[in-house]
Structures are given as C-alpha cells and as structure tokens.
Amino acid sequence: MNIVKTAGIAIIAVAISVIIKQIKPEYSIFIPITCATVLFIYAVSEFGGLIEEAARKAEQYGLENAYIKVLIKCLGIAYVTETATDVCRDAGENAIASKTELCGKIMILTCCMPVMFSVLEMIDEVLTLI
C-alpha cells in the first residue's frame, strides 16, 4: 500500500470534514465514514498478495492452511472492528463503539476455538506418548 496515498486521502478528508462541520455539522459525520470505507477497501485490495504468500509459506513449512485461514480471519475481524469502533467514536457514540469492540472480541474468540481444540489434541497425543 502506498502510505503517501493513504495519508493524503486522510488529510484531505479531515480538511473537508472541518469545512463541512462549520457549514452543515449534521453532514460532517459522512466524511469520516466515507474516508474509512475508501481506505479500508484500498487496504483490503493490497492484502490479497499477502494472503497468497502466507498460504505458500504454510505449505512450504508443512502447516495446515486452516491455521493460516483462521489467522487471516481474526486479523480481518480485528481491522473491521477497529474501523467501525473508530467511526462510532468519531460520531460520539461511545456505547455503540464499546459494544462493537465486545462483539469483535467474541467473534475472534469463536474463530480461534477450532485451533485451540486442535492444539489441545496435539498436547494430549504428546502426553499419551510419554
């Protein structure tokens, strides 16, 4: 991702938001939401190559692709949750932001449970060999 583009979009969005806030404050919330959406889509488009590389490395080192998929899902959940939470806080909705964080944490935990069970099974197999 070109960080200069990202920073430029963010700075322009802040400038527009400040100007709109002085003219029509009720519309100023749409600028950060739009900016966050554009930056998120841009970041996700850059993320595709990394996923393919992670899958190749997992195969090279003998890891199951399922572990990589879980890791990527958890990262995605974390990034989406953080973006949504920031937008909620920017809008002054701290209660909604905290509930969004809680939901994101629960979703990450739910996503990680199969990996945790797999690790516990491996530990059990090792202990039975001893």
N, C-alpha and C. Protein backbone atom coordinates (compact mmCIF):
# COMPACT_ATOMS: atom_id res chain seq x y z
N MET A 1 0.85 -1.17 0.00
CA MET A 1 0.00 0.00 0.00
C MET A 1 0.90 1.23 0.00
N ASN A 2 0.56 2.17 -0.78
CA ASN A 2 1.31 3.41 -0.83
C ASN A 2 0.84 4.30 0.32
N ILE A 3 1.67 4.43 1.32
CA ILE A 3 1.29 5.18 2.53
C ILE A 3 1.10 6.66 2.24
N VAL A 4 1.76 7.17 1.21
CA VAL A 4 1.58 8.57 0.85
C VAL A 4 0.15 8.81 0.37
N LYS A 5 -0.37 7.89 -0.45
CA LYS A 5 -1.77 8.00 -0.90
C LYS A 5 -2.71 7.94 0.29
N THR A 6 -2.45 6.99 1.17
CA THR A 6 -3.31 6.81 2.34
C THR A 6 -3.32 8.07 3.20
N ALA A 7 -2.14 8.59 3.48
CA ALA A 7 -2.05 9.80 4.30
C ALA A 7 -2.71 10.98 3.59
N GLY A 8 -2.53 11.07 2.29
CA GLY A 8 -3.14 12.16 1.52
C GLY A 8 -4.66 12.11 1.57
N ILE A 9 -5.22 10.92 1.39
CA ILE A 9 -6.67 10.76 1.46
C ILE A 9 -7.16 11.16 2.85
N ALA A 10 -6.46 10.72 3.88
CA ALA A 10 -6.87 11.02 5.26
C ALA A 10 -6.82 12.52 5.54
N ILE A 11 -5.76 13.18 5.11
CA ILE A 11 -5.62 14.62 5.36
C ILE A 11 -6.68 15.41 4.61
N ILE A 12 -6.94 15.03 3.37
CA ILE A 12 -7.98 15.70 2.59
C ILE A 12 -9.34 15.49 3.24
N ALA A 13 -9.60 14.29 3.70
CA ALA A 13 -10.88 14.00 4.35
C ALA A 13 -11.05 14.84 5.63
N VAL A 14 -9.98 14.98 6.39
CA VAL A 14 -10.05 15.79 7.61
C VAL A 14 -10.32 17.25 7.26
N ALA A 15 -9.65 17.76 6.25
CA ALA A 15 -9.87 19.15 5.84
C ALA A 15 -11.31 19.37 5.39
N ILE A 16 -11.82 18.46 4.58
CA ILE A 16 -13.21 18.58 4.12
C ILE A 16 -14.17 18.48 5.30
N SER A 17 -13.90 17.57 6.23
CA SER A 17 -14.76 17.40 7.39
C SER A 17 -14.80 18.66 8.25
N VAL A 18 -13.66 19.30 8.44
CA VAL A 18 -13.61 20.53 9.22
C VAL A 18 -14.42 21.63 8.55
N ILE A 19 -14.30 21.73 7.24
CA ILE A 19 -15.04 22.76 6.50
C ILE A 19 -16.54 22.47 6.56
N ILE A 20 -16.93 21.22 6.30
CA ILE A 20 -18.35 20.85 6.33
C ILE A 20 -18.93 21.05 7.73
N LYS A 21 -18.14 20.76 8.76
CA LYS A 21 -18.62 20.90 10.14
C LYS A 21 -19.01 22.34 10.45
N GLN A 22 -18.33 23.30 9.84
CA GLN A 22 -18.64 24.71 10.05
C GLN A 22 -19.91 25.12 9.30
N ILE A 23 -20.14 24.49 8.15
CA ILE A 23 -21.29 24.87 7.33
C ILE A 23 -22.53 24.07 7.71
N LYS A 24 -22.43 22.75 7.68
CA LYS A 24 -23.54 21.83 8.00
C LYS A 24 -23.03 20.74 8.93
N PRO A 25 -23.02 20.97 10.23
CA PRO A 25 -22.45 19.98 11.17
C PRO A 25 -23.10 18.61 11.09
N GLU A 26 -24.40 18.56 10.76
CA GLU A 26 -25.08 17.27 10.72
C GLU A 26 -24.58 16.38 9.59
N TYR A 27 -23.95 16.96 8.57
CA TYR A 27 -23.44 16.17 7.45
C TYR A 27 -21.97 15.79 7.62
N SER A 28 -21.31 16.37 8.59
CA SER A 28 -19.86 16.15 8.72
C SER A 28 -19.51 14.71 9.08
N ILE A 29 -20.42 13.96 9.64
CA ILE A 29 -20.13 12.57 10.01
C ILE A 29 -19.94 11.68 8.79
N PHE A 30 -20.52 12.07 7.66
CA PHE A 30 -20.41 11.24 6.46
C PHE A 30 -19.01 11.24 5.86
N ILE A 31 -18.24 12.29 6.11
CA ILE A 31 -16.88 12.37 5.56
C ILE A 31 -15.98 11.30 6.19
N PRO A 32 -15.89 11.20 7.53
CA PRO A 32 -15.04 10.14 8.10
C PRO A 32 -15.51 8.73 7.73
N ILE A 33 -16.82 8.54 7.65
CA ILE A 33 -17.33 7.22 7.28
C ILE A 33 -16.90 6.87 5.86
N THR A 34 -17.04 7.81 4.96
CA THR A 34 -16.64 7.58 3.56
C THR A 34 -15.14 7.36 3.47
N CYS A 35 -14.38 8.18 4.17
CA CYS A 35 -12.92 8.05 4.14
C CYS A 35 -12.49 6.69 4.70
N ALA A 36 -13.07 6.29 5.82
CA ALA A 36 -12.73 5.00 6.42
C ALA A 36 -13.06 3.86 5.47
N THR A 37 -14.18 3.96 4.79
CA THR A 37 -14.58 2.91 3.84
C THR A 37 -13.61 2.84 2.67
N VAL A 38 -13.26 3.99 2.12
CA VAL A 38 -12.33 4.02 0.98
C VAL A 38 -10.96 3.47 1.39
N LEU A 39 -10.46 3.89 2.54
CA LEU A 39 -9.16 3.41 3.00
C LEU A 39 -9.19 1.92 3.31
N PHE A 40 -10.29 1.45 3.87
CA PHE A 40 -10.41 0.03 4.19
C PHE A 40 -10.43 -0.81 2.91
N ILE A 41 -11.18 -0.38 1.92
CA ILE A 41 -11.25 -1.12 0.64
C ILE A 41 -9.86 -1.12 -0.02
N TYR A 42 -9.17 0.00 0.05
CA TYR A 42 -7.83 0.10 -0.51
C TYR A 42 -6.88 -0.86 0.21
N ALA A 43 -6.96 -0.91 1.53
CA ALA A 43 -6.09 -1.80 2.31
C ALA A 43 -6.39 -3.25 2.01
N VAL A 44 -7.67 -3.60 1.90
CA VAL A 44 -8.04 -4.99 1.61
C VAL A 44 -7.55 -5.41 0.23
N SER A 45 -7.60 -4.50 -0.73
CA SER A 45 -7.12 -4.85 -2.06
C SER A 45 -5.62 -5.12 -2.05
N GLU A 46 -4.89 -4.46 -1.19
CA GLU A 46 -3.45 -4.69 -1.06
C GLU A 46 -3.15 -5.97 -0.28
N PHE A 47 -4.11 -6.45 0.47
CA PHE A 47 -3.94 -7.59 1.37
C PHE A 47 -3.94 -8.92 0.63
N GLY A 48 -4.50 -8.96 -0.58
CA GLY A 48 -4.63 -10.21 -1.33
C GLY A 48 -3.31 -10.92 -1.57
N GLY A 49 -2.30 -10.21 -1.97
CA GLY A 49 -0.99 -10.81 -2.22
C GLY A 49 -0.38 -11.41 -0.96
N LEU A 50 -0.62 -10.77 0.15
CA LEU A 50 -0.09 -11.27 1.41
C LEU A 50 -0.73 -12.61 1.79
N ILE A 51 -2.01 -12.75 1.51
CA ILE A 51 -2.71 -14.00 1.81
C ILE A 51 -2.12 -15.14 0.98
N GLU A 52 -1.90 -14.89 -0.29
CA GLU A 52 -1.32 -15.91 -1.16
C GLU A 52 0.08 -16.30 -0.69
N GLU A 53 0.88 -15.33 -0.30
CA GLU A 53 2.23 -15.60 0.18
C GLU A 53 2.20 -16.40 1.49
N ALA A 54 1.27 -16.07 2.38
CA ALA A 54 1.14 -16.80 3.64
C ALA A 54 0.76 -18.25 3.38
N ALA A 55 -0.12 -18.48 2.43
CA ALA A 55 -0.52 -19.85 2.08
C ALA A 55 0.66 -20.64 1.52
N ARG A 56 1.48 -19.98 0.67
CA ARG A 56 2.67 -20.65 0.13
C ARG A 56 3.66 -21.01 1.24
N LYS A 57 3.87 -20.08 2.16
CA LYS A 57 4.81 -20.34 3.26
C LYS A 57 4.28 -21.44 4.17
N ALA A 58 2.98 -21.46 4.42
CA ALA A 58 2.40 -22.51 5.26
C ALA A 58 2.63 -23.87 4.62
N GLU A 59 2.42 -23.94 3.31
CA GLU A 59 2.64 -25.20 2.59
C GLU A 59 4.11 -25.60 2.63
N GLN A 60 4.99 -24.62 2.48
CA GLN A 60 6.44 -24.86 2.50
C GLN A 60 6.89 -25.44 3.83
N TYR A 61 6.32 -24.93 4.94
CA TYR A 61 6.73 -25.38 6.26
C TYR A 61 5.85 -26.48 6.83
N GLY A 62 4.92 -26.98 6.03
CA GLY A 62 4.10 -28.09 6.46
C GLY A 62 2.97 -27.74 7.40
N LEU A 63 2.58 -26.49 7.44
CA LEU A 63 1.44 -26.09 8.27
C LEU A 63 0.16 -26.28 7.48
N GLU A 64 -0.91 -26.53 8.20
CA GLU A 64 -2.20 -26.65 7.55
C GLU A 64 -2.70 -25.27 7.14
N ASN A 65 -3.32 -25.20 5.97
CA ASN A 65 -3.88 -23.93 5.51
C ASN A 65 -4.98 -23.43 6.43
N ALA A 66 -5.61 -24.34 7.16
CA ALA A 66 -6.69 -23.95 8.07
C ALA A 66 -6.17 -22.96 9.12
N TYR A 67 -4.94 -23.17 9.59
CA TYR A 67 -4.38 -22.27 10.59
C TYR A 67 -4.17 -20.87 10.02
N ILE A 68 -3.69 -20.82 8.80
CA ILE A 68 -3.48 -19.53 8.15
C ILE A 68 -4.82 -18.83 7.91
N LYS A 69 -5.82 -19.60 7.50
CA LYS A 69 -7.14 -19.02 7.26
C LYS A 69 -7.71 -18.43 8.55
N VAL A 70 -7.54 -19.14 9.65
CA VAL A 70 -8.04 -18.64 10.93
C VAL A 70 -7.31 -17.36 11.31
N LEU A 71 -6.01 -17.35 11.13
CA LEU A 71 -5.23 -16.15 11.44
C LEU A 71 -5.69 -14.96 10.61
N ILE A 72 -5.90 -15.17 9.33
CA ILE A 72 -6.32 -14.08 8.45
C ILE A 72 -7.73 -13.62 8.80
N LYS A 73 -8.63 -14.58 9.12
CA LYS A 73 -9.98 -14.19 9.54
C LYS A 73 -9.93 -13.34 10.80
N CYS A 74 -9.12 -13.75 11.76
CA CYS A 74 -9.01 -12.99 13.01
C CYS A 74 -8.46 -11.59 12.77
N LEU A 75 -7.46 -11.48 11.90
CA LEU A 75 -6.93 -10.16 11.55
C LEU A 75 -8.00 -9.31 10.88
N GLY A 76 -8.74 -9.91 9.97
CA GLY A 76 -9.82 -9.19 9.29
C GLY A 76 -10.88 -8.71 10.28
N ILE A 77 -11.28 -9.59 11.19
CA ILE A 77 -12.27 -9.20 12.20
C ILE A 77 -11.73 -8.04 13.04
N ALA A 78 -10.46 -8.12 13.43
CA ALA A 78 -9.87 -7.07 14.25
C ALA A 78 -9.85 -5.73 13.52
N TYR A 79 -9.46 -5.75 12.24
CA TYR A 79 -9.39 -4.50 11.48
C TYR A 79 -10.77 -3.90 11.23
N VAL A 80 -11.73 -4.75 10.87
CA VAL A 80 -13.09 -4.25 10.64
C VAL A 80 -13.67 -3.68 11.93
N THR A 81 -13.45 -4.40 13.02
CA THR A 81 -13.97 -3.94 14.32
C THR A 81 -13.35 -2.61 14.72
N GLU A 82 -12.04 -2.49 14.54
CA GLU A 82 -11.37 -1.24 14.90
C GLU A 82 -11.88 -0.08 14.06
N THR A 83 -12.05 -0.30 12.77
CA THR A 83 -12.55 0.75 11.89
C THR A 83 -13.96 1.17 12.28
N ALA A 84 -14.83 0.20 12.51
CA ALA A 84 -16.21 0.50 12.92
C ALA A 84 -16.25 1.22 14.26
N THR A 85 -15.41 0.78 15.18
CA THR A 85 -15.35 1.41 16.50
C THR A 85 -14.89 2.85 16.41
N ASP A 86 -13.88 3.09 15.60
CA ASP A 86 -13.39 4.46 15.43
C ASP A 86 -14.46 5.37 14.83
N VAL A 87 -15.19 4.86 13.85
CA VAL A 87 -16.26 5.65 13.24
C VAL A 87 -17.34 5.96 14.28
N CYS A 88 -17.68 4.96 15.09
CA CYS A 88 -18.68 5.18 16.15
C CYS A 88 -18.21 6.24 17.14
N ARG A 89 -16.94 6.16 17.53
CA ARG A 89 -16.41 7.14 18.48
C ARG A 89 -16.35 8.54 17.86
N ASP A 90 -16.01 8.61 16.57
CA ASP A 90 -15.99 9.90 15.88
C ASP A 90 -17.39 10.53 15.87
N ALA A 91 -18.40 9.67 15.81
CA ALA A 91 -19.78 10.16 15.80
C ALA A 91 -20.29 10.44 17.21
N GLY A 92 -19.46 10.19 18.21
CA GLY A 92 -19.86 10.45 19.59
C GLY A 92 -20.68 9.33 20.21
N GLU A 93 -20.69 8.17 19.59
CA GLU A 93 -21.46 7.02 20.08
C GLU A 93 -20.54 6.03 20.77
N ASN A 94 -20.09 6.38 21.97
CA ASN A 94 -19.14 5.53 22.69
C ASN A 94 -19.77 4.21 23.14
N ALA A 95 -21.04 4.21 23.49
CA ALA A 95 -21.69 2.97 23.91
C ALA A 95 -21.73 1.96 22.76
N ILE A 96 -22.08 2.43 21.58
CA ILE A 96 -22.11 1.54 20.42
C ILE A 96 -20.70 1.06 20.09
N ALA A 97 -19.72 1.96 20.23
CA ALA A 97 -18.33 1.59 19.96
C ALA A 97 -17.86 0.48 20.90
N SER A 98 -18.18 0.59 22.18
CA SER A 98 -17.73 -0.44 23.12
C SER A 98 -18.42 -1.77 22.87
N LYS A 99 -19.67 -1.74 22.47
CA LYS A 99 -20.38 -3.00 22.16
C LYS A 99 -19.84 -3.61 20.87
N THR A 100 -19.43 -2.77 19.93
CA THR A 100 -18.81 -3.26 18.70
C THR A 100 -17.50 -3.95 19.02
N GLU A 101 -16.70 -3.37 19.92
CA GLU A 101 -15.45 -3.99 20.34
C GLU A 101 -15.71 -5.34 21.00
N LEU A 102 -16.71 -5.39 21.86
CA LEU A 102 -17.05 -6.64 22.54
C LEU A 102 -17.43 -7.72 21.53
N CYS A 103 -18.27 -7.35 20.57
CA CYS A 103 -18.67 -8.31 19.53
C CYS A 103 -17.47 -8.79 18.73
N GLY A 104 -16.57 -7.90 18.40
CA GLY A 104 -15.36 -8.28 17.66
C GLY A 104 -14.51 -9.26 18.45
N LYS A 105 -14.35 -9.01 19.74
CA LYS A 105 -13.56 -9.92 20.59
C LYS A 105 -14.21 -11.29 20.67
N ILE A 106 -15.52 -11.31 20.81
CA ILE A 106 -16.22 -12.60 20.87
C ILE A 106 -16.09 -13.35 19.54
N MET A 107 -16.18 -12.63 18.43
CA MET A 107 -16.04 -13.26 17.12
C MET A 107 -14.64 -13.83 16.92
N ILE A 108 -13.62 -13.10 17.39
CA ILE A 108 -12.25 -13.60 17.29
C ILE A 108 -12.09 -14.85 18.14
N LEU A 109 -12.62 -14.82 19.34
CA LEU A 109 -12.55 -15.99 20.21
C LEU A 109 -13.23 -17.19 19.57
N THR A 110 -14.41 -16.97 19.00
CA THR A 110 -15.15 -18.03 18.34
C THR A 110 -14.36 -18.58 17.14
N CYS A 111 -13.73 -17.70 16.42
CA CYS A 111 -12.95 -18.10 15.25
C CYS A 111 -11.73 -18.93 15.65
N CYS A 112 -11.14 -18.63 16.80
CA CYS A 112 -9.92 -19.31 17.25
C CYS A 112 -10.17 -20.64 17.95
N MET A 113 -11.39 -20.91 18.35
CA MET A 113 -11.67 -22.12 19.12
C MET A 113 -11.25 -23.41 18.41
N PRO A 114 -11.52 -23.59 17.11
CA PRO A 114 -11.06 -24.84 16.47
C PRO A 114 -9.54 -25.02 16.53
N VAL A 115 -8.79 -23.94 16.42
CA VAL A 115 -7.33 -24.04 16.51
C VAL A 115 -6.93 -24.42 17.93
N MET A 116 -7.60 -23.82 18.91
CA MET A 116 -7.29 -24.14 20.30
C MET A 116 -7.58 -25.62 20.58
N PHE A 117 -8.70 -26.13 20.07
CA PHE A 117 -9.02 -27.54 20.27
C PHE A 117 -7.98 -28.44 19.59
N SER A 118 -7.53 -28.03 18.42
CA SER A 118 -6.51 -28.79 17.70
C SER A 118 -5.20 -28.83 18.50
N VAL A 119 -4.81 -27.72 19.07
CA VAL A 119 -3.59 -27.66 19.89
C VAL A 119 -3.75 -28.56 21.12
N LEU A 120 -4.92 -28.52 21.75
CA LEU A 120 -5.16 -29.38 22.91
C LEU A 120 -5.08 -30.85 22.54
N GLU A 121 -5.59 -31.21 21.36
CA GLU A 121 -5.49 -32.59 20.89
C GLU A 121 -4.04 -33.00 20.68
N MET A 122 -3.23 -32.10 20.10
CA MET A 122 -1.81 -32.39 19.91
C MET A 122 -1.10 -32.58 21.25
N ILE A 123 -1.43 -31.74 22.22
CA ILE A 123 -0.82 -31.87 23.55
C ILE A 123 -1.21 -33.20 24.17
N ASP A 124 -2.48 -33.58 24.01
CA ASP A 124 -2.95 -34.86 24.55
C ASP A 124 -2.22 -36.02 23.90
N GLU A 125 -2.00 -35.97 22.59
CA GLU A 125 -1.27 -37.03 21.90
C GLU A 125 0.17 -37.12 22.40
N VAL A 126 0.81 -35.99 22.60
CA VAL A 126 2.19 -35.99 23.09
C VAL A 126 2.25 -36.56 24.50
N LEU A 127 1.29 -36.20 25.34
CA LEU A 127 1.29 -36.68 26.72
C LEU A 127 1.02 -38.19 26.79
N THR A 128 0.21 -38.71 25.87
CA THR A 128 -0.05 -40.14 25.88
C THR A 128 1.17 -40.95 25.40
N LEU A 129 2.05 -40.32 24.64
CA LEU A 129 3.27 -40.99 24.19
C LEU A 129 4.32 -41.08 25.29
N ILE A 130 4.20 -40.19 26.23
CA ILE A 130 5.24 -40.13 27.30
C ILE A 130 5.01 -41.18 28.35
